[in-house]
Structure formats: C-alpha cells, structure tokens
C-alpha cells in the first residue's frame, strides 16, 4: 500500500486490532467446542455478531470521528477529493471485514465438525457460504452512512448496530418465505447485501458532499 491507502490503513489499525481480538475470542469458542461436545453449535450461533462488531467498531466511527476531530479538513486540503478519500477509507475497512470473515469461516470449516440438522436453519445458514461476507460489508456500509449523516459516533454506533440486528431479523423472515435451495438463496441474498452496501456508500458520499463545509 502507498499514498492514500497507506494513510487510511494507519488510521484504522486500532479497529483492525479490535476485530482481531474478537477473532481470538471466536478461536477460544471453537477450542471450547472441541473440548466440550455439549457446546456444539455455539460458535455457529455467535458468528452473526461479527457483522455487528464490524459495524460498531469499524463502520460507524470511520467517517463520524473524522468530522468530530476535524481531521477531514486536513485530508481534503491535500489535493485529495472527498470521493477519493471516502473510497480509500472504505476500501481498507472492507478489506479488513472480508479478511475477518475469511478467518472465522476457516475456523468454523476446518476445526469444527459438521453440524447435523437442517442447512437452512439460521445458525448454519448465516455462518456458511458468501452470506456472512455480504452481511458484514452491508453492516460496514451502514455504519459509514450513518456516521456521515449524524457526524457523531455516539449516535451512529448504537443506531447502526440496532439497524443491523433488525435487518438480520428481516432477512430471516424473508428467507423463511423463499423456496430457493441453499446455494441459489445464498448467492441471491449476498447480491442484495452488496447492492445495498454500494448504495449506502453512495449515500455517504452524497451526504459528505452536501454537508461538509469549511
């Protein structure tokens, strides 16, 4: 990485460290399941919290804290457009979100035995396939958009997590009405997540363009 991406990464190392610490806790949960069969399936059920954590820790403060601290003014006076700046910081955060989900997917797939039962049941469905990746990117984008709109981390953080949880419940309700099999539904749901994520990043850009004043 160089230039703007390097600056974006340096500004997000604390968030990356926090998500890495959370992955360590997931690793402890995986180890506990291997040692205690009575805990089987626990990590699958808890895996959905990763998207909420990415939203809370990484997404919501990403733009809001820049407005709170006034550091966005410095970035935009260094021959960097608002669009390039937003793209850089979101790209670094998105790469971190994808990496975190890949690590968790590896833990679940390599170290835990297969969970019996219905693959469409939410603990299995929401922890396998591309859906966790799409859901985390959507959660990240939601946090970014709310942070840009509110300009306050204390407002954006709880509100974004609440909306992520509500969205997950809505997705489960819609999934229960679908007749698609596992993989087609996985890809369809992931596509919806990605489209919504891109739309929310667009909203963040529009808000920044409209509301940022020097």
Protein backbone atom coordinates (compact mmCIF):
# COMPACT_ATOMS: atom_id res chain seq x y z
CA UNK A 1 0.00 0.00 0.00
CA UNK A 2 1.11 3.51 -0.66
CA UNK A 3 -0.22 7.05 -0.61
CA UNK A 4 -3.82 7.48 0.43
CA UNK A 5 -4.40 3.79 1.13
CA UNK A 6 -1.41 3.75 3.48
CA UNK A 7 -2.75 6.76 5.35
CA UNK A 8 -6.18 5.11 5.57
CA UNK A 9 -4.64 1.91 6.93
CA UNK A 10 -2.63 3.78 9.56
CA UNK A 11 -5.81 5.46 10.73
CA UNK A 12 -7.65 2.17 11.06
CA UNK A 13 -5.11 -0.01 12.85
CA UNK A 14 -6.94 0.27 16.16
CA UNK A 15 -10.16 -1.02 14.60
CA UNK A 16 -8.28 -3.85 12.94
CA UNK A 17 -6.69 -4.79 16.27
CA UNK A 18 -10.09 -4.80 17.98
CA UNK A 19 -11.60 -7.12 15.35
CA UNK A 20 -8.52 -9.34 15.58
CA UNK A 21 -9.07 -9.59 19.34
CA UNK A 22 -12.66 -10.61 18.70
CA UNK A 23 -11.45 -13.34 16.35
CA UNK A 24 -9.22 -14.61 19.14
CA UNK A 25 -12.34 -14.94 21.27
CA UNK A 26 -14.02 -16.86 18.48
CA UNK A 27 -10.98 -19.11 18.40
CA UNK A 28 -11.41 -19.72 22.11
CA UNK A 29 -15.04 -20.64 21.46
CA UNK A 30 -14.00 -23.09 18.76
CA UNK A 31 -11.49 -24.67 21.15
CA UNK A 32 -14.16 -24.93 23.85
CA UNK A 33 -16.49 -26.72 21.43
CA UNK A 34 -13.80 -29.22 20.53
CA UNK A 35 -13.16 -29.97 24.19
CA UNK A 36 -16.80 -29.97 25.32
CA UNK A 37 -19.27 -31.66 22.93
CA UNK A 38 -22.17 -30.18 24.86
CA UNK A 39 -21.29 -26.77 23.43
CA UNK A 40 -21.63 -27.96 19.83
CA UNK A 41 -23.09 -25.29 17.57
CA UNK A 42 -22.38 -22.38 19.94
CA UNK A 43 -19.82 -20.68 17.70
CA UNK A 44 -22.12 -21.00 14.71
CA UNK A 45 -24.81 -19.14 16.63
CA UNK A 46 -22.39 -16.44 17.79
CA UNK A 47 -20.80 -15.93 14.37
CA UNK A 48 -23.53 -13.48 13.37
CA UNK A 49 -22.23 -10.99 15.94
CA UNK A 50 -19.16 -10.39 13.79
CA UNK A 51 -21.16 -8.22 11.37
CA UNK A 52 -22.49 -6.14 14.27
CA UNK A 53 -18.99 -5.75 15.66
CA UNK A 54 -17.63 -4.61 12.30
CA UNK A 55 -20.44 -2.07 12.09
CA UNK A 56 -19.92 -0.83 15.66
CA UNK A 57 -16.13 -0.82 15.82
CA UNK A 58 -15.19 -0.08 12.24
CA UNK A 59 -18.08 1.30 10.21
CA UNK A 60 -19.83 3.83 12.42
CA UNK A 61 -16.70 5.71 13.62
CA UNK A 62 -14.97 5.61 10.22
CA UNK A 63 -16.33 8.95 8.96
CA UNK A 64 -18.05 10.28 12.09
CA UNK A 65 -14.84 10.52 14.10
CA UNK A 66 -13.19 12.46 11.25
CA UNK A 67 -15.92 15.09 11.50
CA UNK A 68 -15.72 15.13 15.29
CA UNK A 69 -11.97 15.63 15.28
CA UNK A 70 -11.91 17.92 12.25
CA UNK A 71 -9.25 15.77 10.55
CA UNK A 72 -11.35 15.52 7.38
CA UNK A 73 -10.40 19.14 6.61
CA UNK A 74 -6.71 18.24 6.53
CA UNK A 75 -7.34 15.29 4.24
CA UNK A 76 -9.38 17.34 1.77
CA UNK A 77 -6.85 20.15 1.58
CA UNK A 78 -4.06 17.82 0.43
CA UNK A 79 -5.18 17.62 -3.21
CA UNK A 80 -7.46 14.70 -2.32
CA UNK A 81 -11.08 14.81 -3.37
CA UNK A 82 -13.80 13.76 -0.98
CA UNK A 83 -14.68 10.86 -3.24
CA UNK A 84 -11.12 9.50 -3.31
CA UNK A 85 -10.78 9.90 0.43
CA UNK A 86 -14.04 8.07 1.10
CA UNK A 87 -13.18 5.32 -1.38
CA UNK A 88 -9.79 4.77 0.26
CA UNK A 89 -11.01 4.54 3.84
CA UNK A 90 -13.95 2.32 2.89
CA UNK A 91 -11.75 0.06 0.75
CA UNK A 92 -9.35 -0.55 3.64
CA UNK A 93 -12.21 -1.24 6.04
CA UNK A 94 -13.93 -3.54 3.52
CA UNK A 95 -10.71 -5.50 3.05
CA UNK A 96 -10.50 -5.91 6.81
CA UNK A 97 -14.11 -7.06 7.03
CA UNK A 98 -13.59 -9.66 4.30
CA UNK A 99 -10.39 -10.88 5.92
CA UNK A 100 -12.09 -11.20 9.31
CA UNK A 101 -14.91 -13.25 7.82
CA UNK A 102 -12.43 -15.44 5.97
CA UNK A 103 -10.60 -16.19 9.21
CA UNK A 104 -13.85 -17.02 11.01
CA UNK A 105 -15.03 -19.18 8.11
CA UNK A 106 -11.74 -21.04 8.27
CA UNK A 107 -12.19 -21.68 11.98
CA UNK A 108 -15.72 -22.97 11.51
CA UNK A 109 -14.91 -25.07 8.46
CA UNK A 110 -11.60 -26.57 9.47
CA UNK A 111 -11.76 -27.06 13.21
CA UNK A 112 -15.39 -27.80 13.98
CA UNK A 113 -17.26 -30.95 12.99
CA UNK A 114 -20.21 -30.65 10.68
CA UNK A 115 -23.39 -29.67 12.48
CA UNK A 116 -26.26 -32.01 11.80
CA UNK A 117 -29.76 -30.87 11.04
CA UNK A 118 -31.31 -28.56 8.51
CA UNK A 119 -28.84 -26.47 6.49
CA UNK A 120 -31.48 -23.74 6.15
CA UNK A 121 -31.64 -23.28 9.93
CA UNK A 122 -30.19 -19.85 10.69
CA UNK A 123 -27.15 -20.90 12.79
CA UNK A 124 -25.80 -22.93 9.88
CA UNK A 125 -27.06 -20.78 7.01
CA UNK A 126 -25.78 -17.49 8.41
CA UNK A 127 -22.31 -18.86 9.20
CA UNK A 128 -21.62 -20.59 5.87
CA UNK A 129 -21.25 -19.56 2.26
CA UNK A 130 -20.97 -15.98 0.98
CA UNK A 131 -23.80 -14.56 3.11
CA UNK A 132 -21.60 -13.69 6.14
CA UNK A 133 -19.27 -11.74 3.86
CA UNK A 134 -22.09 -9.81 2.23
CA UNK A 135 -23.78 -9.13 5.56
CA UNK A 136 -20.57 -7.75 7.07
CA UNK A 137 -19.96 -5.45 4.11
CA UNK A 138 -23.53 -4.19 4.36
CA UNK A 139 -23.11 -3.61 8.10
CA UNK A 140 -19.88 -1.71 7.44
CA UNK A 141 -21.52 0.48 4.80
CA UNK A 142 -24.49 1.16 7.06
CA UNK A 143 -22.19 2.36 9.80
CA UNK A 144 -20.31 4.58 7.37
CA UNK A 145 -23.52 6.14 6.02
CA UNK A 146 -24.94 6.79 9.48
CA UNK A 147 -21.65 8.20 10.65
CA UNK A 148 -21.57 10.59 7.71
CA UNK A 149 -25.19 11.60 8.26
CA UNK A 150 -25.02 12.12 12.02
CA UNK A 151 -21.35 13.19 12.37
CA UNK A 152 -21.38 11.76 15.89
CA UNK A 153 -20.03 8.36 16.84
CA UNK A 154 -22.23 8.20 19.96
CA UNK A 155 -25.30 8.41 17.73
CA UNK A 156 -24.10 6.39 14.76
CA UNK A 157 -22.71 3.43 16.72
CA UNK A 158 -25.80 2.29 18.67
CA UNK A 159 -28.18 3.20 15.86
CA UNK A 160 -26.23 1.25 13.26
CA UNK A 161 -25.98 -1.85 15.44
CA UNK A 162 -29.72 -1.69 16.10
CA UNK A 163 -30.43 -1.49 12.38
CA UNK A 164 -28.03 -4.33 11.62
CA UNK A 165 -29.89 -6.54 14.09
CA UNK A 166 -33.26 -5.52 12.67
CA UNK A 167 -32.02 -6.22 9.15
CA UNK A 168 -30.89 -9.67 10.17
CA UNK A 169 -34.35 -10.46 11.55
CA UNK A 170 -35.97 -9.17 8.35
CA UNK A 171 -33.64 -11.34 6.27
CA UNK A 172 -34.63 -14.40 8.29
CA UNK A 173 -38.31 -13.66 7.81
CA UNK A 174 -37.90 -13.24 4.05
CA UNK A 175 -35.72 -16.34 3.86
CA UNK A 176 -38.44 -18.40 5.52
CA UNK A 177 -40.81 -17.44 2.69
CA UNK A 178 -38.38 -18.34 -0.07
CA UNK A 179 -38.48 -21.65 -1.88
CA UNK A 180 -34.96 -21.39 -3.29
CA UNK A 181 -32.46 -24.09 -2.26
CA UNK A 182 -29.42 -23.30 -0.14
CA UNK A 183 -26.84 -22.13 -2.67
CA UNK A 184 -29.09 -20.10 -5.01
CA UNK A 185 -30.57 -18.37 -1.97
CA UNK A 186 -27.09 -17.73 -0.57
CA UNK A 187 -25.94 -16.01 -3.75
CA UNK A 188 -29.18 -14.08 -4.17
CA UNK A 189 -29.07 -12.80 -0.60
CA UNK A 190 -25.40 -11.90 -0.91
CA UNK A 191 -26.11 -9.95 -4.10
CA UNK A 192 -28.81 -7.96 -2.30
CA UNK A 193 -26.39 -7.23 0.55
CA UNK A 194 -23.71 -5.99 -1.85
CA UNK A 195 -26.10 -3.79 -3.83
CA UNK A 196 -27.40 -2.22 -0.62
CA UNK A 197 -23.83 -1.75 0.64
CA UNK A 198 -22.82 0.11 -2.52
CA UNK A 199 -25.96 2.22 -2.31
CA UNK A 200 -25.16 3.16 1.29
CA UNK A 201 -21.60 4.15 0.38
CA UNK A 202 -23.15 6.32 -2.31
CA UNK A 203 -25.41 7.88 0.29
CA UNK A 204 -22.40 8.59 2.48
CA UNK A 205 -20.67 10.31 -0.44
CA UNK A 206 -23.71 12.45 -1.22
CA UNK A 207 -24.07 13.44 2.43
CA UNK A 208 -20.39 14.34 2.67
CA UNK A 209 -20.60 16.44 -0.48
CA UNK A 210 -23.74 18.21 0.72
CA UNK A 211 -22.94 18.79 4.38
CA UNK A 212 -19.19 19.21 4.65
CA UNK A 213 -18.36 22.89 4.98
CA UNK A 214 -15.10 24.57 5.80
